[in-house]
Full PDB file with SEQRES, HELIX, SHEET, SSBOND, CRYST1, ORIGX, SCALE, CONECT and MASTER records, all heavy atoms in Angstrom:
SEQRES   1 A   32  LEU GLN ASP GLU ILE PRO HIS GLY LEU ALA VAL ASP ILE          
SEQRES   2 A   32  THR ALA MET LYS ALA ARG ASP PRO ASP ASP PRO ASP CYS          
SEQRES   3 A   32  ILE VAL ASP VAL GLY ALA                                      
HELIX    1 AA1 PRO A    6  GLY A    8  5                                   3    
SHEET    1 AA1 2 ALA A  15  ALA A  18  0                                        
SHEET    2 AA1 2 VAL A  28  GLY A  31 -1                                        
CRYST1    1.000    1.000    1.000  90.00  90.00  90.00 P 1           1          
ORIGX1      1.000000  0.000000  0.000000        0.00000                         
ORIGX2      0.000000  1.000000  0.000000        0.00000                         
ORIGX3      0.000000  0.000000  1.000000        0.00000                         
SCALE1      1.000000  0.000000  0.000000        0.00000                         
SCALE2      0.000000  1.000000  0.000000        0.00000                         
SCALE3      0.000000  0.000000  1.000000        0.00000                         
ATOM      1  N   LEU A   1      16.786  -4.104   4.670  1.00  0.00           N  
ATOM      2  CA  LEU A   1      17.785  -3.423   3.851  1.00  0.00           C  
ATOM      3  C   LEU A   1      19.040  -3.063   4.655  1.00  0.00           C  
ATOM      4  O   LEU A   1      19.031  -3.068   5.877  1.00  0.00           O  
ATOM      5  CB  LEU A   1      17.194  -2.164   3.217  1.00  0.00           C  
ATOM      6  CG  LEU A   1      16.108  -2.422   2.194  1.00  0.00           C  
ATOM      7  CD1 LEU A   1      15.438  -1.123   1.782  1.00  0.00           C  
ATOM      8  CD2 LEU A   1      16.681  -3.109   0.950  1.00  0.00           C  
ATOM      9  N   GLN A   2      20.096  -2.688   3.927  1.00  0.00           N  
ATOM     10  CA  GLN A   2      21.357  -2.339   4.541  1.00  0.00           C  
ATOM     11  C   GLN A   2      21.218  -1.025   5.339  1.00  0.00           C  
ATOM     12  O   GLN A   2      20.369  -0.197   5.048  1.00  0.00           O  
ATOM     13  CB  GLN A   2      22.441  -2.172   3.457  1.00  0.00           C  
ATOM     14  CG  GLN A   2      22.665  -3.430   2.653  1.00  0.00           C  
ATOM     15  CD  GLN A   2      23.615  -3.211   1.489  1.00  0.00           C  
ATOM     16  OE1 GLN A   2      24.305  -2.182   1.435  1.00  0.00           O  
ATOM     17  NE2 GLN A   2      23.635  -4.134   0.563  1.00  0.00           N  
ATOM     18  N   ASP A   3      22.116  -0.841   6.283  1.00  0.00           N  
ATOM     19  CA  ASP A   3      22.012   0.294   7.193  1.00  0.00           C  
ATOM     20  C   ASP A   3      22.017   1.653   6.524  1.00  0.00           C  
ATOM     21  O   ASP A   3      21.397   2.589   6.971  1.00  0.00           O  
ATOM     22  CB  ASP A   3      23.165   0.241   8.233  1.00  0.00           C  
ATOM     23  CG  ASP A   3      22.988  -0.884   9.223  1.00  0.00           C  
ATOM     24  OD1 ASP A   3      21.867  -1.400   9.306  1.00  0.00           O  
ATOM     25  OD2 ASP A   3      23.964  -1.220   9.912  1.00  0.00           O  
ATOM     26  N   GLU A   4      22.776   1.788   5.415  1.00  0.00           N  
ATOM     27  CA  GLU A   4      22.921   3.125   4.832  1.00  0.00           C  
ATOM     28  C   GLU A   4      21.689   3.512   3.992  1.00  0.00           C  
ATOM     29  O   GLU A   4      21.562   4.662   3.581  1.00  0.00           O  
ATOM     30  CB  GLU A   4      24.153   3.197   3.918  1.00  0.00           C  
ATOM     31  CG  GLU A   4      24.108   2.374   2.669  1.00  0.00           C  
ATOM     32  CD  GLU A   4      24.624   0.938   2.861  1.00  0.00           C  
ATOM     33  OE1 GLU A   4      24.688   0.512   4.026  1.00  0.00           O  
ATOM     34  OE2 GLU A   4      24.964   0.289   1.858  1.00  0.00           O  
ATOM     35  N   ILE A   5      20.788   2.606   3.695  1.00  0.00           N  
ATOM     36  CA  ILE A   5      19.666   2.901   2.804  1.00  0.00           C  
ATOM     37  C   ILE A   5      18.425   3.397   3.548  1.00  0.00           C  
ATOM     38  O   ILE A   5      17.792   4.371   3.130  1.00  0.00           O  
ATOM     39  CB  ILE A   5      19.318   1.675   1.963  1.00  0.00           C  
ATOM     40  CG1 ILE A   5      20.488   1.324   1.046  1.00  0.00           C  
ATOM     41  CG2 ILE A   5      18.056   1.902   1.121  1.00  0.00           C  
ATOM     42  CD1 ILE A   5      20.263   0.082   0.189  1.00  0.00           C  
ATOM     43  N   PRO A   6      17.974   2.775   4.686  1.00  0.00           N  
ATOM     44  CA  PRO A   6      16.655   3.090   5.255  1.00  0.00           C  
ATOM     45  C   PRO A   6      16.386   4.567   5.534  1.00  0.00           C  
ATOM     46  O   PRO A   6      15.261   5.022   5.364  1.00  0.00           O  
ATOM     47  CB  PRO A   6      16.639   2.268   6.527  1.00  0.00           C  
ATOM     48  CG  PRO A   6      17.507   1.082   6.210  1.00  0.00           C  
ATOM     49  CD  PRO A   6      18.594   1.654   5.382  1.00  0.00           C  
ATOM     50  N   HIS A   7      17.412   5.331   5.984  1.00  0.00           N  
ATOM     51  CA  HIS A   7      17.125   6.745   6.300  1.00  0.00           C  
ATOM     52  C   HIS A   7      16.776   7.543   5.054  1.00  0.00           C  
ATOM     53  O   HIS A   7      16.218   8.628   5.167  1.00  0.00           O  
ATOM     54  CB  HIS A   7      18.319   7.354   7.021  1.00  0.00           C  
ATOM     55  CG  HIS A   7      18.590   6.743   8.364  1.00  0.00           C  
ATOM     56  ND1 HIS A   7      17.585   6.524   9.281  1.00  0.00           N  
ATOM     57  CD2 HIS A   7      19.726   6.295   8.932  1.00  0.00           C  
ATOM     58  CE1 HIS A   7      18.078   5.962  10.371  1.00  0.00           C  
ATOM     59  NE2 HIS A   7      19.374   5.797  10.189  1.00  0.00           N  
ATOM     60  N   GLY A   8      17.132   7.059   3.878  1.00  0.00           N  
ATOM     61  CA  GLY A   8      16.807   7.739   2.644  1.00  0.00           C  
ATOM     62  C   GLY A   8      15.547   7.226   1.996  1.00  0.00           C  
ATOM     63  O   GLY A   8      15.350   7.463   0.806  1.00  0.00           O  
ATOM     64  N   LEU A   9      14.693   6.518   2.719  1.00  0.00           N  
ATOM     65  CA  LEU A   9      13.467   5.973   2.179  1.00  0.00           C  
ATOM     66  C   LEU A   9      12.239   6.741   2.631  1.00  0.00           C  
ATOM     67  O   LEU A   9      12.148   7.211   3.760  1.00  0.00           O  
ATOM     68  CB  LEU A   9      13.292   4.505   2.605  1.00  0.00           C  
ATOM     69  CG  LEU A   9      14.289   3.450   2.075  1.00  0.00           C  
ATOM     70  CD1 LEU A   9      13.855   2.086   2.544  1.00  0.00           C  
ATOM     71  CD2 LEU A   9      14.370   3.515   0.571  1.00  0.00           C  
ATOM     72  N   ALA A  10      11.287   6.866   1.735  1.00  0.00           N  
ATOM     73  CA  ALA A  10       9.940   7.325   2.070  1.00  0.00           C  
ATOM     74  C   ALA A  10       8.955   6.455   1.290  1.00  0.00           C  
ATOM     75  O   ALA A  10       9.300   5.908   0.254  1.00  0.00           O  
ATOM     76  CB  ALA A  10       9.758   8.805   1.690  1.00  0.00           C  
ATOM     77  N   VAL A  11       7.759   6.313   1.833  1.00  0.00           N  
ATOM     78  CA  VAL A  11       6.754   5.468   1.182  1.00  0.00           C  
ATOM     79  C   VAL A  11       5.471   6.300   1.012  1.00  0.00           C  
ATOM     80  O   VAL A  11       5.014   6.941   1.945  1.00  0.00           O  
ATOM     81  CB  VAL A  11       6.442   4.201   1.997  1.00  0.00           C  
ATOM     82  CG1 VAL A  11       5.369   3.384   1.292  1.00  0.00           C  
ATOM     83  CG2 VAL A  11       7.731   3.371   2.180  1.00  0.00           C  
ATOM     84  N   ASP A  12       4.908   6.227  -0.172  1.00  0.00           N  
ATOM     85  CA  ASP A  12       3.647   6.922  -0.475  1.00  0.00           C  
ATOM     86  C   ASP A  12       2.627   5.903  -0.949  1.00  0.00           C  
ATOM     87  O   ASP A  12       2.905   5.103  -1.847  1.00  0.00           O  
ATOM     88  CB  ASP A  12       3.900   7.974  -1.566  1.00  0.00           C  
ATOM     89  CG  ASP A  12       2.652   8.766  -1.896  1.00  0.00           C  
ATOM     90  OD1 ASP A  12       1.896   9.083  -0.958  1.00  0.00           O  
ATOM     91  OD2 ASP A  12       2.429   9.067  -3.097  1.00  0.00           O  
ATOM     92  N   ILE A  13       1.460   5.879  -0.315  1.00  0.00           N  
ATOM     93  CA  ILE A  13       0.370   5.014  -0.757  1.00  0.00           C  
ATOM     94  C   ILE A  13      -0.380   5.749  -1.856  1.00  0.00           C  
ATOM     95  O   ILE A  13      -0.996   6.794  -1.615  1.00  0.00           O  
ATOM     96  CB  ILE A  13      -0.584   4.653   0.413  1.00  0.00           C  
ATOM     97  CG1 ILE A  13       0.184   3.902   1.501  1.00  0.00           C  
ATOM     98  CG2 ILE A  13      -1.750   3.825  -0.088  1.00  0.00           C  
ATOM     99  CD1 ILE A  13       0.762   2.571   1.068  1.00  0.00           C  
ATOM    100  N   THR A  14      -0.344   5.209  -3.052  1.00  0.00           N  
ATOM    101  CA  THR A  14      -0.935   5.869  -4.222  1.00  0.00           C  
ATOM    102  C   THR A  14      -2.354   5.412  -4.480  1.00  0.00           C  
ATOM    103  O   THR A  14      -3.106   6.087  -5.193  1.00  0.00           O  
ATOM    104  CB  THR A  14      -0.081   5.603  -5.449  1.00  0.00           C  
ATOM    105  OG1 THR A  14       0.074   4.187  -5.640  1.00  0.00           O  
ATOM    106  CG2 THR A  14       1.299   6.231  -5.290  1.00  0.00           C  
ATOM    107  N   ALA A  15      -2.751   4.265  -3.915  1.00  0.00           N  
ATOM    108  CA  ALA A  15      -4.101   3.746  -4.148  1.00  0.00           C  
ATOM    109  C   ALA A  15      -4.477   2.813  -3.008  1.00  0.00           C  
ATOM    110  O   ALA A  15      -3.640   2.102  -2.474  1.00  0.00           O  
ATOM    111  CB  ALA A  15      -4.194   3.017  -5.486  1.00  0.00           C  
ATOM    112  N   MET A  16      -5.749   2.856  -2.624  1.00  0.00           N  
ATOM    113  CA  MET A  16      -6.298   1.914  -1.656  1.00  0.00           C  
ATOM    114  C   MET A  16      -7.805   1.830  -1.916  1.00  0.00           C  
ATOM    115  O   MET A  16      -8.565   2.667  -1.491  1.00  0.00           O  
ATOM    116  CB  MET A  16      -6.014   2.358  -0.214  1.00  0.00           C  
ATOM    117  CG  MET A  16      -6.494   1.347   0.841  1.00  0.00           C  
ATOM    118  SD  MET A  16      -6.115   1.861   2.542  1.00  0.00           S  
ATOM    119  CE  MET A  16      -4.332   1.524   2.622  1.00  0.00           C  
ATOM    120  N   LYS A  17      -8.209   0.818  -2.674  1.00  0.00           N  
ATOM    121  CA  LYS A  17      -9.593   0.752  -3.140  1.00  0.00           C  
ATOM    122  C   LYS A  17     -10.110  -0.694  -3.115  1.00  0.00           C  
ATOM    123  O   LYS A  17      -9.461  -1.599  -3.644  1.00  0.00           O  
ATOM    124  CB  LYS A  17      -9.714   1.311  -4.546  1.00  0.00           C  
ATOM    125  CG  LYS A  17     -11.138   1.399  -5.066  1.00  0.00           C  
ATOM    126  CD  LYS A  17     -11.183   2.070  -6.412  1.00  0.00           C  
ATOM    127  CE  LYS A  17     -12.644   2.172  -6.916  1.00  0.00           C  
ATOM    128  NZ  LYS A  17     -12.703   2.839  -8.262  1.00  0.00           N  
ATOM    129  N   ALA A  18     -11.252  -0.890  -2.482  1.00  0.00           N  
ATOM    130  CA  ALA A  18     -11.885  -2.211  -2.470  1.00  0.00           C  
ATOM    131  C   ALA A  18     -12.484  -2.504  -3.855  1.00  0.00           C  
ATOM    132  O   ALA A  18     -13.075  -1.624  -4.493  1.00  0.00           O  
ATOM    133  CB  ALA A  18     -12.988  -2.242  -1.405  1.00  0.00           C  
ATOM    134  N   ARG A  19     -12.328  -3.748  -4.301  1.00  0.00           N  
ATOM    135  CA  ARG A  19     -12.849  -4.078  -5.632  1.00  0.00           C  
ATOM    136  C   ARG A  19     -14.380  -4.078  -5.660  1.00  0.00           C  
ATOM    137  O   ARG A  19     -14.998  -3.793  -6.667  1.00  0.00           O  
ATOM    138  CB  ARG A  19     -12.292  -5.457  -6.040  1.00  0.00           C  
ATOM    139  CG  ARG A  19     -10.788  -5.462  -6.262  1.00  0.00           C  
ATOM    140  CD  ARG A  19     -10.278  -6.780  -6.760  1.00  0.00           C  
ATOM    141  NE  ARG A  19      -8.817  -6.741  -6.938  1.00  0.00           N  
ATOM    142  CZ  ARG A  19      -8.095  -7.746  -7.387  1.00  0.00           C  
ATOM    143  NH1 ARG A  19      -8.670  -8.922  -7.671  1.00  0.00           N  
ATOM    144  NH2 ARG A  19      -6.786  -7.611  -7.532  1.00  0.00           N  
ATOM    145  N   ASP A  20     -14.992  -4.425  -4.507  1.00  0.00           N  
ATOM    146  CA  ASP A  20     -16.452  -4.383  -4.399  1.00  0.00           C  
ATOM    147  C   ASP A  20     -16.802  -3.720  -3.064  1.00  0.00           C  
ATOM    148  O   ASP A  20     -16.769  -4.379  -2.015  1.00  0.00           O  
ATOM    149  CB  ASP A  20     -17.035  -5.794  -4.457  1.00  0.00           C  
ATOM    150  CG  ASP A  20     -18.565  -5.803  -4.389  1.00  0.00           C  
ATOM    151  OD1 ASP A  20     -19.153  -4.698  -4.225  1.00  0.00           O  
ATOM    152  OD2 ASP A  20     -19.171  -6.884  -4.494  1.00  0.00           O  
ATOM    153  N   PRO A  21     -17.119  -2.436  -3.049  1.00  0.00           N  
ATOM    154  CA  PRO A  21     -17.398  -1.712  -1.811  1.00  0.00           C  
ATOM    155  C   PRO A  21     -18.517  -2.319  -0.964  1.00  0.00           C  
ATOM    156  O   PRO A  21     -18.593  -2.077   0.235  1.00  0.00           O  
ATOM    157  CB  PRO A  21     -17.781  -0.295  -2.312  1.00  0.00           C  
ATOM    158  CG  PRO A  21     -17.179  -0.191  -3.658  1.00  0.00           C  
ATOM    159  CD  PRO A  21     -17.224  -1.560  -4.249  1.00  0.00           C  
ATOM    160  N   ASP A  22     -19.394  -3.106  -1.589  1.00  0.00           N  
ATOM    161  CA  ASP A  22     -20.489  -3.716  -0.891  1.00  0.00           C  
ATOM    162  C   ASP A  22     -20.140  -5.027  -0.245  1.00  0.00           C  
ATOM    163  O   ASP A  22     -20.938  -5.616   0.492  1.00  0.00           O  
ATOM    164  CB  ASP A  22     -21.700  -3.909  -1.817  1.00  0.00           C  
ATOM    165  CG  ASP A  22     -22.239  -2.562  -2.362  1.00  0.00           C  
ATOM    166  OD1 ASP A  22     -22.224  -1.589  -1.584  1.00  0.00           O  
ATOM    167  OD2 ASP A  22     -22.628  -2.540  -3.534  1.00  0.00           O  
ATOM    168  N   ASP A  23     -18.940  -5.526  -0.538  1.00  0.00           N  
ATOM    169  CA  ASP A  23     -18.494  -6.819   0.030  1.00  0.00           C  
ATOM    170  C   ASP A  23     -17.348  -6.566   0.994  1.00  0.00           C  
ATOM    171  O   ASP A  23     -16.239  -6.257   0.551  1.00  0.00           O  
ATOM    172  CB  ASP A  23     -18.055  -7.756  -1.116  1.00  0.00           C  
ATOM    173  CG  ASP A  23     -17.559  -9.111  -0.595  1.00  0.00           C  
ATOM    174  OD1 ASP A  23     -17.659  -9.359   0.661  1.00  0.00           O  
ATOM    175  OD2 ASP A  23     -17.085  -9.935  -1.396  1.00  0.00           O  
ATOM    176  N   PRO A  24     -17.557  -6.687   2.314  1.00  0.00           N  
ATOM    177  CA  PRO A  24     -16.499  -6.404   3.285  1.00  0.00           C  
ATOM    178  C   PRO A  24     -15.318  -7.374   3.216  1.00  0.00           C  
ATOM    179  O   PRO A  24     -14.243  -7.092   3.753  1.00  0.00           O  
ATOM    180  CB  PRO A  24     -17.224  -6.514   4.646  1.00  0.00           C  
ATOM    181  CG  PRO A  24     -18.394  -7.396   4.388  1.00  0.00           C  
ATOM    182  CD  PRO A  24     -18.828  -7.108   2.974  1.00  0.00           C  
ATOM    183  N   ASP A  25     -15.497  -8.515   2.560  1.00  0.00           N  
ATOM    184  CA  ASP A  25     -14.443  -9.508   2.473  1.00  0.00           C  
ATOM    185  C   ASP A  25     -13.739  -9.498   1.117  1.00  0.00           C  
ATOM    186  O   ASP A  25     -12.914 -10.397   0.833  1.00  0.00           O  
ATOM    187  CB  ASP A  25     -15.004 -10.910   2.737  1.00  0.00           C  
ATOM    188  CG  ASP A  25     -15.573 -11.038   4.141  1.00  0.00           C  
ATOM    189  OD1 ASP A  25     -14.950 -10.519   5.075  1.00  0.00           O  
ATOM    190  OD2 ASP A  25     -16.640 -11.660   4.282  1.00  0.00           O  
ATOM    191  N   CYS A  26     -14.043  -8.518   0.286  1.00  0.00           N  
ATOM    192  CA  CYS A  26     -13.435  -8.514  -1.055  1.00  0.00           C  
ATOM    193  C   CYS A  26     -11.979  -8.046  -0.985  1.00  0.00           C  
ATOM    194  O   CYS A  26     -11.512  -7.508   0.032  1.00  0.00           O  
ATOM    195  CB  CYS A  26     -14.221  -7.585  -1.998  1.00  0.00           C  
ATOM    196  SG  CYS A  26     -13.897  -5.830  -1.750  1.00  0.00           S  
ATOM    197  N   ILE A  27     -11.252  -8.248  -2.059  1.00  0.00           N  
ATOM    198  CA  ILE A  27      -9.852  -7.866  -2.143  1.00  0.00           C  
ATOM    199  C   ILE A  27      -9.737  -6.349  -2.228  1.00  0.00           C  
ATOM    200  O   ILE A  27     -10.524  -5.687  -2.937  1.00  0.00           O  
ATOM    201  CB  ILE A  27      -9.181  -8.511  -3.365  1.00  0.00           C  
ATOM    202  CG1 ILE A  27      -9.102 -10.029  -3.190  1.00  0.00           C  
ATOM    203  CG2 ILE A  27      -7.775  -7.940  -3.573  1.00  0.00           C  
ATOM    204  CD1 ILE A  27      -8.554 -10.761  -4.411  1.00  0.00           C  
ATOM    205  N   VAL A  28      -8.784  -5.781  -1.488  1.00  0.00           N  
ATOM    206  CA  VAL A  28      -8.492  -4.352  -1.539  1.00  0.00           C  
ATOM    207  C   VAL A  28      -7.191  -4.164  -2.315  1.00  0.00           C  
ATOM    208  O   VAL A  28      -6.162  -4.775  -1.978  1.00  0.00           O  
ATOM    209  CB  VAL A  28      -8.341  -3.737  -0.142  1.00  0.00           C  
ATOM    210  CG1 VAL A  28      -7.976  -2.258  -0.244  1.00  0.00           C  
ATOM    211  CG2 VAL A  28      -9.633  -3.908   0.647  1.00  0.00           C  
ATOM    212  N   ASP A  29      -7.233  -3.380  -3.360  1.00  0.00           N  
ATOM    213  CA  ASP A  29      -6.038  -3.089  -4.151  1.00  0.00           C  
ATOM    214  C   ASP A  29      -5.267  -1.942  -3.484  1.00  0.00           C  
ATOM    215  O   ASP A  29      -5.820  -0.838  -3.323  1.00  0.00           O  
ATOM    216  CB  ASP A  29      -6.402  -2.726  -5.599  1.00  0.00           C  
ATOM    217  CG  ASP A  29      -6.912  -3.909  -6.374  1.00  0.00           C  
ATOM    218  OD1 ASP A  29      -6.220  -4.926  -6.420  1.00  0.00           O  
ATOM    219  OD2 ASP A  29      -8.019  -3.833  -6.955  1.00  0.00           O  
ATOM    220  N   VAL A  30      -4.002  -2.204  -3.142  1.00  0.00           N  
ATOM    221  CA  VAL A  30      -3.171  -1.187  -2.505  1.00  0.00           C  
ATOM    222  C   VAL A  30      -1.962  -0.926  -3.393  1.00  0.00           C  
ATOM    223  O   VAL A  30      -1.219  -1.847  -3.721  1.00  0.00           O  
ATOM    224  CB  VAL A  30      -2.714  -1.633  -1.121  1.00  0.00           C  
ATOM    225  CG1 VAL A  30      -1.812  -0.566  -0.468  1.00  0.00           C  
ATOM    226  CG2 VAL A  30      -3.907  -1.909  -0.191  1.00  0.00           C  
ATOM    227  N   GLY A  31      -1.810   0.311  -3.807  1.00  0.00           N  
ATOM    228  CA  GLY A  31      -0.642   0.715  -4.603  1.00  0.00           C  
ATOM    229  C   GLY A  31       0.308   1.553  -3.753  1.00  0.00           C  
ATOM    230  O   GLY A  31      -0.143   2.396  -2.975  1.00  0.00           O  
ATOM    231  N   ALA A  32       1.592   1.280  -3.851  1.00  0.00           N  
ATOM    232  CA  ALA A  32       2.559   2.012  -3.041  1.00  0.00           C  
ATOM    233  C   ALA A  32       3.815   2.285  -3.843  1.00  0.00           C  
ATOM    234  O   ALA A  32       4.176   1.503  -4.751  1.00  0.00           O  
ATOM    235  CB  ALA A  32       2.925   1.220  -1.781  1.00  0.00           C  
TER     236      ALA A  32                                                      
MASTER        0    0    0    1    2    0    0    6  235    1    0    3          
END                                                                             
């Protein structure tokens, strides 16, 4: 991004959940 924008940014992770907790290779849904 342009120089004037980054200092005004924050990021919040709203979700981080494995689709199948018993499968270590399953897809993890990450919301931000």
